[in-house]
């Protein structure tokens, strides 16, 4: 039989509880870190009324500015001239 006093049993209980919590925390935190934001230009909007720059990842052609509530439309990219 292993002799174990109350202070040592309390230490092991707290130690393994903290280790379990840290492992669970890192496991669930890793899942949220995998969903990172890409700085793709199609998600970055610039309001034409209040000049606020914001991110809207819905991928729509019209977006609502979170600051002033105005509607903004993405401008089509100017066709680049081809040099021959």
Protein backbone atom coordinates (compact mmCIF):
# COMPACT_ATOMS: atom_id res chain seq x y z
CA UNK A 1 0.00 0.00 0.00
CA UNK A 2 1.26 3.48 -0.84
CA UNK A 3 1.20 5.92 2.03
CA UNK A 4 -0.10 9.31 0.95
CA UNK A 5 -0.81 12.18 3.28
CA UNK A 6 -3.56 14.73 2.63
CA UNK A 7 -1.22 17.51 1.45
CA UNK A 8 0.36 15.30 -1.20
CA UNK A 9 -3.06 14.06 -2.38
CA UNK A 10 -4.26 17.67 -2.65
CA UNK A 11 -1.13 18.57 -4.60
CA UNK A 12 -1.67 15.75 -7.13
CA UNK A 13 -5.35 16.61 -7.48
CA UNK A 14 -4.62 20.28 -8.20
CA UNK A 15 -1.64 19.50 -10.43
CA UNK A 16 -3.52 17.09 -12.70
CA UNK A 17 -6.57 19.37 -12.78
CA UNK A 18 -4.46 22.30 -13.96
CA UNK A 19 -2.67 20.13 -16.54
CA UNK A 20 -6.02 18.89 -17.87
CA UNK A 21 -7.38 22.45 -18.09
CA UNK A 22 -4.26 23.66 -19.95
CA UNK A 23 -4.44 20.78 -22.42
CA UNK A 24 -8.15 21.39 -23.07
CA UNK A 25 -7.57 25.13 -23.40
CA UNK A 26 -4.76 24.68 -25.94
CA UNK A 27 -6.83 22.13 -27.89
CA UNK A 28 -9.86 24.41 -28.21
CA UNK A 29 -7.73 27.53 -28.75
CA UNK A 30 -5.90 25.85 -31.61
CA UNK A 31 -9.22 25.33 -33.40
CA UNK A 32 -10.00 29.05 -33.27
CA UNK A 33 -6.53 30.09 -34.42
CA UNK A 34 -6.86 28.04 -37.59
CA UNK A 35 -9.66 30.36 -38.75
CA UNK A 36 -7.46 33.33 -39.48
CA UNK A 37 -8.45 36.31 -41.55
CA UNK A 38 -6.84 36.76 -44.91
CA UNK A 39 -6.22 40.31 -45.98
CA UNK A 40 -7.78 39.78 -49.37
CA UNK A 41 -8.73 43.06 -51.04
CA UNK A 42 -12.23 41.92 -51.88
CA UNK A 43 -13.10 41.95 -48.16
CA UNK A 44 -11.70 45.43 -47.43
CA UNK A 45 -14.21 48.22 -48.04
CA UNK A 46 -13.83 51.99 -48.02
CA UNK A 47 -16.93 54.07 -47.30
CA UNK A 48 -17.50 56.85 -49.82
CA UNK A 49 -19.46 58.97 -47.31
CA UNK A 50 -17.51 58.90 -44.04
CA UNK A 51 -14.15 57.54 -45.36
CA UNK A 52 -14.22 54.65 -42.88
CA UNK A 53 -12.26 51.54 -43.87
CA UNK A 54 -13.84 48.29 -42.70
CA UNK A 55 -13.90 44.56 -43.36
CA UNK A 56 -16.97 42.80 -44.75
CA UNK A 57 -16.34 39.15 -45.56
CA UNK A 58 -19.74 38.36 -47.04
CA UNK A 59 -18.42 38.67 -50.59
CA UNK A 60 -21.36 40.72 -51.83
CA UNK A 61 -21.26 43.60 -54.29
CA UNK A 62 -22.99 46.06 -51.93
CA UNK A 63 -22.03 46.52 -48.30
CA UNK A 64 -23.36 48.65 -45.44
CA UNK A 65 -20.88 50.84 -43.58
CA UNK A 66 -20.90 50.00 -39.86
CA UNK A 67 -20.15 53.61 -38.89
CA UNK A 68 -22.63 55.70 -40.91
CA UNK A 69 -24.98 53.05 -42.34
CA UNK A 70 -24.55 54.11 -45.98
CA UNK A 71 -24.44 51.58 -48.79
CA UNK A 72 -21.18 51.11 -50.67
CA UNK A 73 -20.60 49.34 -53.94
CA UNK A 74 -17.37 47.77 -55.07
CA UNK A 75 -15.92 49.49 -58.09
CA UNK A 76 -14.98 47.24 -60.96
CA UNK A 77 -11.25 47.05 -61.58
CA UNK A 78 -10.12 49.27 -64.39
CA UNK A 79 -9.04 47.22 -67.35
CA UNK A 80 -5.30 47.43 -67.68
CA UNK A 81 -3.94 48.55 -70.99
CA UNK A 82 -1.91 45.91 -72.72
CA UNK A 83 1.38 47.07 -74.16
CA UNK A 84 2.40 45.44 -77.39
